[in-house]
Amino acid sequence: MDAIYKTFRAEVKSVNEEDGSIDLFIPVSTDSVDRDGEVVDPAAFKKTLPKFMKRPVLVASHDYRALTSQIGEWKRLKIMENGLEGKPMYYVGEGNEQADWGYKLAQKGMAAFSIGFIPKEWADGDGVKEPRRTYKEVELLEISQ
């Protein structure tokens, strides 16, 4: 199955301009049903998050074609009851305009983030009384801005 992308807005907690880090909460998996009628259960990341953290990439717009599309990395990701909490570090001031602009947007709370994942396990619902699909296990590939 192809990778799937889900988009969520972030709430900025703090900004460190010296190292390019921003502490923010990214609800990449919540109980809310998205516009496709789907839900990513927060526990869906449990098995594969350690693998992702070996190469925790933050990319621009799910673009893997250019090296400058990697605009940072995730210093911390933690599964919470209502989602996935993350702390990114942007590669600011290093000659990558995409990283600099992504950092500015995130700093202002104007960044939207999207996860790219491979579904491993899911449950289909009727799409009326329950979500059309609930992802129970996913392999997180990247988080994009």
C-alpha atoms as a PDB file:
ATOM      1  CA  MET A   1       0.000   0.000   0.000  1.00  0.00           C
ATOM      2  CA  ASP A   2       1.228   3.526  -0.784  1.00  0.00           C
ATOM      3  CA  ALA A   3       2.169   6.046   1.872  1.00  0.00           C
ATOM      4  CA  ILE A   4      -0.655   8.137   3.333  1.00  0.00           C
ATOM      5  CA  TYR A   5      -0.457  11.774   4.447  1.00  0.00           C
ATOM      6  CA  LYS A   6      -2.429  13.513   7.241  1.00  0.00           C
ATOM      7  CA  THR A   7      -2.148  17.249   7.989  1.00  0.00           C
ATOM      8  CA  PHE A   8      -2.463  19.003  11.379  1.00  0.00           C
ATOM      9  CA  ARG A   9      -1.730  22.475  12.762  1.00  0.00           C
ATOM     10  CA  ALA A  10       0.674  22.905  15.656  1.00  0.00           C
ATOM     11  CA  GLU A  11       0.517  24.983  18.824  1.00  0.00           C
ATOM     12  CA  VAL A  12       3.891  26.632  19.579  1.00  0.00           C
ATOM     13  CA  LYS A  13       5.019  26.370  23.221  1.00  0.00           C
ATOM     14  CA  SER A  14       8.472  27.988  22.995  1.00  0.00           C
ATOM     15  CA  VAL A  15      11.162  29.009  20.490  1.00  0.00           C
ATOM     16  CA  ASN A  16      14.959  28.799  20.782  1.00  0.00           C
ATOM     17  CA  GLU A  17      16.489  31.012  18.099  1.00  0.00           C
ATOM     18  CA  GLU A  18      20.049  29.906  18.930  1.00  0.00           C
ATOM     19  CA  ASP A  19      19.655  26.267  17.943  1.00  0.00           C
ATOM     20  CA  GLY A  20      16.548  26.449  15.725  1.00  0.00           C
ATOM     21  CA  SER A  21      14.384  24.378  18.052  1.00  0.00           C
ATOM     22  CA  ILE A  22      10.687  24.954  18.608  1.00  0.00           C
ATOM     23  CA  ASP A  23       8.724  23.189  21.315  1.00  0.00           C
ATOM     24  CA  LEU A  24       5.250  22.520  20.016  1.00  0.00           C
ATOM     25  CA  PHE A  25       2.433  20.049  20.217  1.00  0.00           C
ATOM     26  CA  ILE A  26       1.586  18.315  16.975  1.00  0.00           C
ATOM     27  CA  PRO A  27      -1.654  16.348  17.153  1.00  0.00           C
ATOM     28  CA  VAL A  28      -0.721  13.853  14.445  1.00  0.00           C
ATOM     29  CA  SER A  29      -3.159  11.326  15.821  1.00  0.00           C
ATOM     30  CA  THR A  30      -6.313  12.235  17.659  1.00  0.00           C
ATOM     31  CA  ASP A  31      -9.803  10.903  18.212  1.00  0.00           C
ATOM     32  CA  SER A  32     -11.143  13.342  15.634  1.00  0.00           C
ATOM     33  CA  VAL A  33     -12.160  12.081  12.227  1.00  0.00           C
ATOM     34  CA  ASP A  34     -10.353  13.795   9.323  1.00  0.00           C
ATOM     35  CA  ARG A  35     -11.882  14.925   6.047  1.00  0.00           C
ATOM     36  CA  ASP A  36     -11.279  11.471   4.577  1.00  0.00           C
ATOM     37  CA  GLY A  37     -13.320   9.902   7.380  1.00  0.00           C
ATOM     38  CA  GLU A  38     -10.203   8.385   8.949  1.00  0.00           C
ATOM     39  CA  VAL A  39      -8.483   8.388  12.344  1.00  0.00           C
ATOM     40  CA  VAL A  40      -4.893   7.564  13.272  1.00  0.00           C
ATOM     41  CA  ASP A  41      -4.980   6.117  16.781  1.00  0.00           C
ATOM     42  CA  PRO A  42      -2.179   7.594  18.937  1.00  0.00           C
ATOM     43  CA  ALA A  43      -1.112   4.057  19.889  1.00  0.00           C
ATOM     44  CA  ALA A  44      -0.581   3.287  16.186  1.00  0.00           C
ATOM     45  CA  PHE A  45       2.953   4.710  16.447  1.00  0.00           C
ATOM     46  CA  LYS A  46       4.020   2.629  19.451  1.00  0.00           C
ATOM     47  CA  LYS A  47       5.813  -0.224  17.648  1.00  0.00           C
ATOM     48  CA  THR A  48       7.562   1.803  14.942  1.00  0.00           C
ATOM     49  CA  LEU A  49       8.418   5.130  16.630  1.00  0.00           C
ATOM     50  CA  PRO A  50      11.825   3.861  17.880  1.00  0.00           C
ATOM     51  CA  LYS A  51      12.763   2.982  14.278  1.00  0.00           C
ATOM     52  CA  PHE A  52      11.691   6.435  13.058  1.00  0.00           C
ATOM     53  CA  MET A  53      13.763   8.129  15.788  1.00  0.00           C
ATOM     54  CA  LYS A  54      16.942   6.622  14.282  1.00  0.00           C
ATOM     55  CA  ARG A  55      16.397   9.030  11.354  1.00  0.00           C
ATOM     56  CA  PRO A  56      13.763  11.529  12.544  1.00  0.00           C
ATOM     57  CA  VAL A  57      13.427  13.708   9.464  1.00  0.00           C
ATOM     58  CA  LEU A  58      11.474  16.931   9.104  1.00  0.00           C
ATOM     59  CA  VAL A  59      10.973  17.590   5.404  1.00  0.00           C
ATOM     60  CA  ALA A  60       9.258  20.266   3.349  1.00  0.00           C
ATOM     61  CA  SER A  61       5.990  19.253   1.681  1.00  0.00           C
ATOM     62  CA  HIS A  62       6.710  15.496   1.546  1.00  0.00           C
ATOM     63  CA  ASP A  63       9.413  16.275  -1.034  1.00  0.00           C
ATOM     64  CA  TYR A  64      12.244  13.742  -1.078  1.00  0.00           C
ATOM     65  CA  ARG A  65      13.746  14.821  -4.411  1.00  0.00           C
ATOM     66  CA  ALA A  66      16.242  17.395  -3.140  1.00  0.00           C
ATOM     67  CA  LEU A  67      18.614  17.406  -0.196  1.00  0.00           C
ATOM     68  CA  THR A  68      17.402  20.906   0.713  1.00  0.00           C
ATOM     69  CA  SER A  69      13.932  19.464   1.324  1.00  0.00           C
ATOM     70  CA  GLN A  70      15.180  18.127   4.653  1.00  0.00           C
ATOM     71  CA  ILE A  71      14.664  21.244   6.735  1.00  0.00           C
ATOM     72  CA  GLY A  72      15.336  19.790  10.167  1.00  0.00           C
ATOM     73  CA  GLU A  73      14.923  16.858  12.479  1.00  0.00           C
ATOM     74  CA  TRP A  74      12.799  15.811  15.438  1.00  0.00           C
ATOM     75  CA  LYS A  75      14.677  16.019  18.718  1.00  0.00           C
ATOM     76  CA  ARG A  76      11.804  14.437  20.622  1.00  0.00           C
ATOM     77  CA  LEU A  77       8.553  12.683  19.811  1.00  0.00           C
ATOM     78  CA  LYS A  78       6.373  11.324  22.560  1.00  0.00           C
ATOM     79  CA  ILE A  79       3.104   9.436  22.289  1.00  0.00           C
ATOM     80  CA  MET A  80       0.483  11.122  24.436  1.00  0.00           C
ATOM     81  CA  GLU A  81      -3.098  10.124  25.226  1.00  0.00           C
ATOM     82  CA  ASN A  82      -4.419  12.594  22.652  1.00  0.00           C
ATOM     83  CA  GLY A  83      -1.651  12.516  20.061  1.00  0.00           C
ATOM     84  CA  LEU A  84       2.043  12.761  19.351  1.00  0.00           C
ATOM     85  CA  GLU A  85       4.047  15.556  20.984  1.00  0.00           C
ATOM     86  CA  GLY A  86       7.147  16.706  19.163  1.00  0.00           C
ATOM     87  CA  LYS A  87      10.069  19.074  19.411  1.00  0.00           C
ATOM     88  CA  PRO A  88      11.666  19.893  16.054  1.00  0.00           C
ATOM     89  CA  MET A  89      15.026  21.468  15.375  1.00  0.00           C
ATOM     90  CA  TYR A  90      15.297  23.389  12.122  1.00  0.00           C
ATOM     91  CA  TYR A  91      18.549  23.701  10.188  1.00  0.00           C
ATOM     92  CA  VAL A  92      18.398  27.515  10.270  1.00  0.00           C
ATOM     93  CA  GLY A  93      21.152  29.844   9.088  1.00  0.00           C
ATOM     94  CA  GLU A  94      22.929  27.072   7.186  1.00  0.00           C
ATOM     95  CA  GLY A  95      22.151  28.187   3.638  1.00  0.00           C
ATOM     96  CA  ASN A  96      18.832  26.366   3.208  1.00  0.00           C
ATOM     97  CA  GLU A  97      16.104  28.909   2.470  1.00  0.00           C
ATOM     98  CA  GLN A  98      13.371  26.277   2.925  1.00  0.00           C
ATOM     99  CA  ALA A  99      14.595  25.539   6.462  1.00  0.00           C
ATOM    100  CA  ASP A 100      14.768  29.243   7.305  1.00  0.00           C
ATOM    101  CA  TRP A 101      11.256  29.929   5.973  1.00  0.00           C
ATOM    102  CA  GLY A 102       9.797  26.805   7.623  1.00  0.00           C
ATOM    103  CA  TYR A 103      11.296  27.936  10.930  1.00  0.00           C
ATOM    104  CA  LYS A 104       9.795  31.426  10.579  1.00  0.00           C
ATOM    105  CA  LEU A 105       6.348  29.996   9.863  1.00  0.00           C
ATOM    106  CA  ALA A 106       6.557  27.585  12.791  1.00  0.00           C
ATOM    107  CA  GLN A 107       7.837  30.344  15.069  1.00  0.00           C
ATOM    108  CA  LYS A 108       4.712  32.373  14.266  1.00  0.00           C
ATOM    109  CA  GLY A 109       2.406  29.393  14.814  1.00  0.00           C
ATOM    110  CA  MET A 110       1.524  29.420  11.105  1.00  0.00           C
ATOM    111  CA  ALA A 111       2.967  26.019  10.218  1.00  0.00           C
ATOM    112  CA  ALA A 112       0.903  22.997   9.306  1.00  0.00           C
ATOM    113  CA  PHE A 113       2.435  19.555   9.653  1.00  0.00           C
ATOM    114  CA  SER A 114       1.616  16.332   7.894  1.00  0.00           C
ATOM    115  CA  ILE A 115       2.689  12.783   8.568  1.00  0.00           C
ATOM    116  CA  GLY A 116       3.736  10.345   5.901  1.00  0.00           C
ATOM    117  CA  PHE A 117       3.237   6.738   6.934  1.00  0.00           C
ATOM    118  CA  ILE A 118       2.739   3.212   5.715  1.00  0.00           C
ATOM    119  CA  PRO A 119      -0.390   1.625   7.201  1.00  0.00           C
ATOM    120  CA  LYS A 120       0.328  -1.718   8.854  1.00  0.00           C
ATOM    121  CA  GLU A 121      -2.967  -2.481  10.614  1.00  0.00           C
ATOM    122  CA  TRP A 122      -6.380  -0.836  10.450  1.00  0.00           C
ATOM    123  CA  ALA A 123     -10.060  -1.383  11.078  1.00  0.00           C
ATOM    124  CA  ASP A 124     -12.692  -0.335   8.584  1.00  0.00           C
ATOM    125  CA  GLY A 125     -15.916   1.201   9.835  1.00  0.00           C
ATOM    126  CA  ASP A 126     -19.201   2.226   8.278  1.00  0.00           C
ATOM    127  CA  GLY A 127     -18.186   5.885   7.864  1.00  0.00           C
ATOM    128  CA  VAL A 128     -21.391   7.027   9.549  1.00  0.00           C
ATOM    129  CA  LYS A 129     -21.511   5.898  13.183  1.00  0.00           C
ATOM    130  CA  GLU A 130     -17.759   5.242  13.253  1.00  0.00           C
ATOM    131  CA  PRO A 131     -14.775   6.373  11.176  1.00  0.00           C
ATOM    132  CA  ARG A 132     -14.460   4.952   7.670  1.00  0.00           C
ATOM    133  CA  ARG A 133     -11.025   3.686   8.719  1.00  0.00           C
ATOM    134  CA  THR A 134      -9.044   3.709  11.979  1.00  0.00           C
ATOM    135  CA  TYR A 135      -5.313   3.088  11.702  1.00  0.00           C
ATOM    136  CA  LYS A 136      -4.169   0.841  14.555  1.00  0.00           C
ATOM    137  CA  GLU A 137      -0.504   0.478  13.540  1.00  0.00           C
ATOM    138  CA  VAL A 138       1.525   2.627  11.165  1.00  0.00           C
ATOM    139  CA  GLU A 139       5.155   2.969  10.151  1.00  0.00           C
ATOM    140  CA  LEU A 140       5.983   6.650  10.378  1.00  0.00           C
ATOM    141  CA  LEU A 141       8.194   7.649   7.438  1.00  0.00           C
ATOM    142  CA  GLU A 142       8.482  11.409   7.968  1.00  0.00           C
ATOM    143  CA  ILE A 143       6.776  14.485   9.291  1.00  0.00           C
ATOM    144  CA  SER A 144       6.486  17.334   6.816  1.00  0.00           C
ATOM    145  CA  GLN A 145       5.781  20.988   7.102  1.00  0.00           C
END
